[in-house]
């Protein structure tokens, strides 16, 4: 069973994936991810900054190697801790720049229809 901290880490990784997937990093998306990370009740051994830095590298690799669904599948158990919050967060980031990129929509649909069911 996932814990709140594992969920927080997975949610942060999901948020980073959602805002990086379309290759366009907009300020309002970055600010939203920052607000999400600021709102987390962090109690991890590793700092939130360390987790963010590692997630950035991992997300970049997953996008480059076309393994985004596999990356998210690795977060499934932790995200199931609060799947509605995970879906709401992904949707919020997808819609934050006023432009729903096809890659963002595909990833969100994968989360909603296949992963977090």
N, C-alpha and C. Protein backbone atom coordinates (compact mmCIF):
# COMPACT_ATOMS: atom_id res chain seq x y z
N UNK A 1 0.84 -1.20 0.00
CA UNK A 1 0.00 0.00 0.00
C UNK A 1 0.88 1.25 0.00
N UNK A 2 0.58 2.15 -0.89
CA UNK A 2 1.36 3.37 -1.01
C UNK A 2 1.11 4.29 0.20
N UNK A 3 2.08 5.08 0.51
CA UNK A 3 1.94 6.05 1.58
C UNK A 3 1.73 7.44 0.98
N UNK A 4 1.39 8.37 1.83
CA UNK A 4 1.22 9.76 1.38
C UNK A 4 2.51 10.27 0.74
N UNK A 5 3.65 9.96 1.33
CA UNK A 5 4.92 10.45 0.78
C UNK A 5 5.19 9.85 -0.60
N UNK A 6 4.95 8.56 -0.77
CA UNK A 6 5.16 7.93 -2.09
C UNK A 6 4.22 8.56 -3.12
N UNK A 7 2.99 8.85 -2.69
CA UNK A 7 2.03 9.52 -3.57
C UNK A 7 2.56 10.91 -3.95
N UNK A 8 3.04 11.67 -2.96
CA UNK A 8 3.56 13.01 -3.23
C UNK A 8 4.68 12.98 -4.27
N UNK A 9 5.59 12.01 -4.12
CA UNK A 9 6.71 11.89 -5.06
C UNK A 9 6.19 11.53 -6.46
N UNK A 10 5.25 10.60 -6.52
CA UNK A 10 4.69 10.20 -7.81
C UNK A 10 3.90 11.34 -8.45
N UNK A 11 3.17 12.09 -7.64
CA UNK A 11 2.40 13.23 -8.16
C UNK A 11 3.32 14.28 -8.75
N UNK A 12 4.41 14.54 -8.08
CA UNK A 12 5.40 15.49 -8.58
C UNK A 12 5.98 15.02 -9.92
N UNK A 13 6.28 13.73 -10.01
CA UNK A 13 6.82 13.16 -11.26
C UNK A 13 5.78 13.23 -12.37
N UNK A 14 4.52 12.95 -12.04
CA UNK A 14 3.44 13.06 -13.01
C UNK A 14 3.31 14.50 -13.51
N UNK A 15 3.34 15.46 -12.59
CA UNK A 15 3.22 16.87 -12.96
C UNK A 15 4.34 17.28 -13.91
N UNK A 16 5.55 16.84 -13.61
CA UNK A 16 6.69 17.18 -14.47
C UNK A 16 6.51 16.56 -15.85
N UNK A 17 6.06 15.31 -15.90
CA UNK A 17 5.81 14.67 -17.19
C UNK A 17 4.75 15.42 -17.99
N UNK A 18 3.66 15.80 -17.34
CA UNK A 18 2.56 16.47 -18.04
C UNK A 18 2.99 17.82 -18.62
N UNK A 19 3.84 18.53 -17.92
CA UNK A 19 4.18 19.84 -18.46
C UNK A 19 5.34 19.78 -19.44
N UNK A 20 6.06 18.69 -19.47
CA UNK A 20 7.18 18.57 -20.41
C UNK A 20 6.84 17.79 -21.67
N UNK A 21 5.75 17.05 -21.67
CA UNK A 21 5.46 16.12 -22.76
C UNK A 21 5.31 16.79 -24.12
N UNK A 22 4.76 18.01 -24.16
CA UNK A 22 4.55 18.64 -25.46
C UNK A 22 5.77 19.39 -25.97
N UNK A 23 6.85 19.39 -25.18
CA UNK A 23 8.08 20.04 -25.62
C UNK A 23 8.05 21.55 -25.51
N UNK A 24 6.93 22.12 -25.07
CA UNK A 24 6.81 23.57 -24.90
C UNK A 24 6.65 23.84 -23.41
N UNK A 25 7.66 24.43 -22.83
CA UNK A 25 7.61 24.69 -21.40
C UNK A 25 7.24 26.16 -21.21
N UNK A 26 6.02 26.36 -20.76
CA UNK A 26 5.51 27.72 -20.59
C UNK A 26 5.60 28.11 -19.12
N UNK A 27 5.74 29.40 -18.90
CA UNK A 27 5.91 29.92 -17.54
C UNK A 27 4.74 29.54 -16.65
N UNK A 28 3.49 29.65 -17.16
CA UNK A 28 2.36 29.33 -16.30
C UNK A 28 2.33 27.84 -15.93
N UNK A 29 2.81 26.98 -16.82
CA UNK A 29 2.89 25.55 -16.48
C UNK A 29 3.95 25.33 -15.40
N UNK A 30 5.10 25.98 -15.56
CA UNK A 30 6.16 25.86 -14.56
C UNK A 30 5.69 26.38 -13.21
N UNK A 31 4.98 27.50 -13.22
CA UNK A 31 4.47 28.07 -11.97
C UNK A 31 3.45 27.14 -11.32
N UNK A 32 2.63 26.48 -12.13
CA UNK A 32 1.65 25.54 -11.60
C UNK A 32 2.35 24.34 -10.96
N UNK A 33 3.37 23.81 -11.62
CA UNK A 33 4.13 22.69 -11.05
C UNK A 33 4.80 23.13 -9.75
N UNK A 34 5.34 24.35 -9.73
CA UNK A 34 5.93 24.88 -8.49
C UNK A 34 4.89 24.98 -7.38
N UNK A 35 3.69 25.45 -7.73
CA UNK A 35 2.62 25.58 -6.73
C UNK A 35 2.22 24.20 -6.21
N UNK A 36 2.17 23.22 -7.10
CA UNK A 36 1.84 21.85 -6.68
C UNK A 36 2.90 21.34 -5.71
N UNK A 37 4.16 21.51 -6.06
CA UNK A 37 5.23 21.02 -5.18
C UNK A 37 5.25 21.77 -3.86
N UNK A 38 4.94 23.07 -3.89
CA UNK A 38 4.88 23.85 -2.64
C UNK A 38 3.74 23.39 -1.74
N UNK A 39 2.68 22.84 -2.32
CA UNK A 39 1.50 22.45 -1.54
C UNK A 39 1.65 21.05 -0.92
N UNK A 40 2.67 20.31 -1.32
CA UNK A 40 2.83 18.94 -0.81
C UNK A 40 3.38 18.94 0.61
N UNK A 41 2.83 18.07 1.41
CA UNK A 41 3.32 17.88 2.78
C UNK A 41 4.49 16.90 2.69
N UNK A 42 5.69 17.44 2.55
CA UNK A 42 6.87 16.65 2.23
C UNK A 42 7.53 16.09 3.49
N UNK A 43 7.71 14.78 3.52
CA UNK A 43 8.39 14.16 4.66
C UNK A 43 9.38 13.10 4.20
N UNK A 44 9.85 13.25 2.98
CA UNK A 44 10.76 12.26 2.41
C UNK A 44 12.17 12.37 2.94
N UNK A 45 12.90 11.28 2.77
CA UNK A 45 14.31 11.27 3.15
C UNK A 45 15.08 12.21 2.23
N UNK A 46 14.74 12.14 0.93
CA UNK A 46 15.37 13.04 -0.05
C UNK A 46 14.59 14.34 -0.11
N UNK A 47 15.30 15.42 -0.38
CA UNK A 47 14.64 16.72 -0.48
C UNK A 47 13.75 16.75 -1.72
N UNK A 48 12.77 17.63 -1.68
CA UNK A 48 11.88 17.77 -2.83
C UNK A 48 12.67 18.23 -4.05
N UNK A 49 13.70 19.03 -3.84
CA UNK A 49 14.54 19.51 -4.94
C UNK A 49 15.29 18.35 -5.58
N UNK A 50 15.79 17.43 -4.77
CA UNK A 50 16.51 16.26 -5.31
C UNK A 50 15.56 15.38 -6.13
N UNK A 51 14.35 15.18 -5.63
CA UNK A 51 13.36 14.37 -6.35
C UNK A 51 12.99 15.07 -7.66
N UNK A 52 12.81 16.38 -7.63
CA UNK A 52 12.47 17.14 -8.84
C UNK A 52 13.59 17.02 -9.88
N UNK A 53 14.81 17.19 -9.44
CA UNK A 53 15.95 17.11 -10.37
C UNK A 53 16.05 15.75 -11.03
N UNK A 54 15.89 14.70 -10.23
CA UNK A 54 15.94 13.34 -10.77
C UNK A 54 14.76 13.11 -11.70
N UNK A 55 13.59 13.59 -11.32
CA UNK A 55 12.40 13.41 -12.15
C UNK A 55 12.56 14.12 -13.50
N UNK A 56 13.15 15.30 -13.49
CA UNK A 56 13.40 16.03 -14.75
C UNK A 56 14.25 15.19 -15.69
N UNK A 57 15.32 14.60 -15.17
CA UNK A 57 16.20 13.77 -15.99
C UNK A 57 15.46 12.52 -16.48
N UNK A 58 14.73 11.87 -15.58
CA UNK A 58 14.00 10.65 -15.93
C UNK A 58 12.91 10.93 -16.97
N UNK A 59 12.20 12.04 -16.80
CA UNK A 59 11.14 12.42 -17.74
C UNK A 59 11.73 12.72 -19.11
N UNK A 60 12.83 13.44 -19.12
CA UNK A 60 13.51 13.75 -20.39
C UNK A 60 13.89 12.47 -21.12
N UNK A 61 14.45 11.51 -20.37
CA UNK A 61 14.83 10.22 -20.97
C UNK A 61 13.61 9.46 -21.48
N UNK A 62 12.54 9.45 -20.70
CA UNK A 62 11.32 8.73 -21.09
C UNK A 62 10.72 9.33 -22.37
N UNK A 63 10.72 10.65 -22.46
CA UNK A 63 10.17 11.31 -23.66
C UNK A 63 11.08 11.02 -24.86
N UNK A 64 12.38 11.15 -24.66
CA UNK A 64 13.34 10.94 -25.75
C UNK A 64 13.26 9.51 -26.29
N UNK A 65 13.06 8.53 -25.40
CA UNK A 65 13.03 7.13 -25.82
C UNK A 65 11.60 6.62 -26.06
N UNK A 66 10.62 7.55 -26.06
CA UNK A 66 9.22 7.20 -26.32
C UNK A 66 8.71 6.14 -25.35
N UNK A 67 9.02 6.33 -24.07
CA UNK A 67 8.59 5.39 -23.03
C UNK A 67 7.77 6.12 -21.95
N UNK A 68 6.98 7.10 -22.37
CA UNK A 68 6.22 7.88 -21.38
C UNK A 68 5.17 7.04 -20.67
N UNK A 69 4.50 6.15 -21.41
CA UNK A 69 3.47 5.33 -20.76
C UNK A 69 4.11 4.36 -19.76
N UNK A 70 5.25 3.81 -20.12
CA UNK A 70 5.96 2.91 -19.20
C UNK A 70 6.40 3.67 -17.95
N UNK A 71 6.85 4.91 -18.14
CA UNK A 71 7.26 5.74 -17.00
C UNK A 71 6.07 5.95 -16.05
N UNK A 72 4.92 6.32 -16.62
CA UNK A 72 3.73 6.54 -15.79
C UNK A 72 3.26 5.23 -15.16
N UNK A 73 3.37 4.13 -15.88
CA UNK A 73 2.96 2.84 -15.33
C UNK A 73 3.78 2.52 -14.07
N UNK A 74 5.02 2.96 -14.04
CA UNK A 74 5.87 2.77 -12.87
C UNK A 74 5.41 3.57 -11.66
N UNK A 75 4.58 4.57 -11.90
CA UNK A 75 4.05 5.41 -10.82
C UNK A 75 2.66 4.96 -10.36
N UNK A 76 2.09 3.99 -11.06
CA UNK A 76 0.69 3.61 -10.85
C UNK A 76 0.35 3.32 -9.40
N UNK A 77 1.09 2.42 -8.75
CA UNK A 77 0.74 2.02 -7.39
C UNK A 77 0.70 3.22 -6.45
N UNK A 78 1.68 4.09 -6.56
CA UNK A 78 1.71 5.27 -5.69
C UNK A 78 0.58 6.24 -6.03
N UNK A 79 0.28 6.42 -7.33
CA UNK A 79 -0.79 7.34 -7.73
C UNK A 79 -2.18 6.84 -7.32
N UNK A 80 -2.34 5.54 -7.19
CA UNK A 80 -3.63 4.98 -6.79
C UNK A 80 -4.00 5.37 -5.35
N UNK A 81 -3.03 5.86 -4.58
CA UNK A 81 -3.28 6.33 -3.22
C UNK A 81 -4.38 7.39 -3.23
N UNK A 82 -4.34 8.28 -4.25
CA UNK A 82 -5.38 9.30 -4.42
C UNK A 82 -5.52 9.56 -5.91
N UNK A 83 -6.14 8.59 -6.61
CA UNK A 83 -6.17 8.67 -8.06
C UNK A 83 -6.93 9.88 -8.57
N UNK A 84 -7.95 10.34 -7.82
CA UNK A 84 -8.69 11.52 -8.28
C UNK A 84 -7.80 12.76 -8.26
N UNK A 85 -7.00 12.90 -7.22
CA UNK A 85 -6.09 14.05 -7.16
C UNK A 85 -5.06 13.96 -8.28
N UNK A 86 -4.59 12.75 -8.58
CA UNK A 86 -3.63 12.57 -9.67
C UNK A 86 -4.25 12.98 -11.00
N UNK A 87 -5.47 12.54 -11.26
CA UNK A 87 -6.16 12.90 -12.50
C UNK A 87 -6.45 14.39 -12.57
N UNK A 88 -6.89 14.96 -11.45
CA UNK A 88 -7.18 16.40 -11.41
C UNK A 88 -5.92 17.22 -11.68
N UNK A 89 -4.81 16.79 -11.10
CA UNK A 89 -3.53 17.49 -11.29
C UNK A 89 -3.10 17.41 -12.74
N UNK A 90 -3.19 16.23 -13.33
CA UNK A 90 -2.80 16.06 -14.74
C UNK A 90 -3.67 16.94 -15.64
N UNK A 91 -4.99 16.95 -15.39
CA UNK A 91 -5.90 17.76 -16.20
C UNK A 91 -5.61 19.25 -16.03
N UNK A 92 -5.34 19.65 -14.81
CA UNK A 92 -5.05 21.06 -14.53
C UNK A 92 -3.82 21.53 -15.31
N UNK A 93 -2.78 20.71 -15.34
CA UNK A 93 -1.57 21.08 -16.08
C UNK A 93 -1.85 21.08 -17.58
N UNK A 94 -2.59 20.07 -18.04
CA UNK A 94 -2.91 19.97 -19.46
C UNK A 94 -3.65 21.21 -19.94
N UNK A 95 -4.52 21.75 -19.11
CA UNK A 95 -5.35 22.88 -19.51
C UNK A 95 -4.77 24.24 -19.11
N UNK A 96 -3.66 24.25 -18.40
CA UNK A 96 -3.15 25.49 -17.80
C UNK A 96 -2.68 26.52 -18.82
N UNK A 97 -2.20 26.06 -19.97
CA UNK A 97 -1.68 27.03 -20.93
C UNK A 97 -2.72 27.41 -21.98
N UNK A 98 -3.96 26.95 -21.78
CA UNK A 98 -5.04 27.31 -22.69
C UNK A 98 -4.96 26.56 -24.01
N UNK A 99 -4.02 25.67 -24.13
CA UNK A 99 -3.82 24.92 -25.36
C UNK A 99 -3.56 23.47 -24.99
N UNK A 100 -4.47 22.61 -25.40
CA UNK A 100 -4.36 21.19 -25.05
C UNK A 100 -3.60 20.48 -26.17
N UNK A 101 -2.33 20.23 -25.94
CA UNK A 101 -1.52 19.55 -26.95
C UNK A 101 -1.96 18.09 -27.08
N UNK A 102 -1.83 17.55 -28.27
CA UNK A 102 -2.24 16.17 -28.53
C UNK A 102 -1.50 15.19 -27.62
N UNK A 103 -0.20 15.42 -27.41
CA UNK A 103 0.58 14.53 -26.55
C UNK A 103 0.08 14.59 -25.11
N UNK A 104 -0.30 15.78 -24.65
CA UNK A 104 -0.85 15.92 -23.30
C UNK A 104 -2.17 15.16 -23.19
N UNK A 105 -3.03 15.32 -24.19
CA UNK A 105 -4.34 14.66 -24.19
C UNK A 105 -4.17 13.14 -24.19
N UNK A 106 -3.24 12.64 -25.01
CA UNK A 106 -3.02 11.19 -25.08
C UNK A 106 -2.56 10.65 -23.73
N UNK A 107 -1.66 11.37 -23.09
CA UNK A 107 -1.15 10.93 -21.80
C UNK A 107 -2.25 10.96 -20.74
N UNK A 108 -3.04 12.03 -20.76
CA UNK A 108 -4.15 12.14 -19.80
C UNK A 108 -5.17 11.01 -20.03
N UNK A 109 -5.51 10.75 -21.29
CA UNK A 109 -6.46 9.68 -21.59
C UNK A 109 -5.91 8.33 -21.15
N UNK A 110 -4.61 8.12 -21.33
CA UNK A 110 -3.98 6.87 -20.88
C UNK A 110 -4.14 6.73 -19.36
N UNK A 111 -3.88 7.81 -18.64
CA UNK A 111 -4.04 7.80 -17.19
C UNK A 111 -5.48 7.47 -16.79
N UNK A 112 -6.41 8.18 -17.41
CA UNK A 112 -7.81 8.10 -17.02
C UNK A 112 -8.47 6.79 -17.45
N UNK A 113 -8.13 6.31 -18.64
CA UNK A 113 -8.85 5.16 -19.21
C UNK A 113 -8.15 3.82 -18.98
N UNK A 114 -6.83 3.86 -18.78
CA UNK A 114 -6.12 2.59 -18.68
C UNK A 114 -5.35 2.42 -17.37
N UNK A 115 -4.65 3.44 -16.94
CA UNK A 115 -3.76 3.27 -15.80
C UNK A 115 -4.49 3.37 -14.45
N UNK A 116 -5.21 4.44 -14.25
CA UNK A 116 -5.82 4.71 -12.94
C UNK A 116 -7.29 4.34 -12.93
N UNK A 117 -7.57 3.07 -13.19
CA UNK A 117 -8.96 2.61 -13.20
C UNK A 117 -9.23 1.65 -12.07
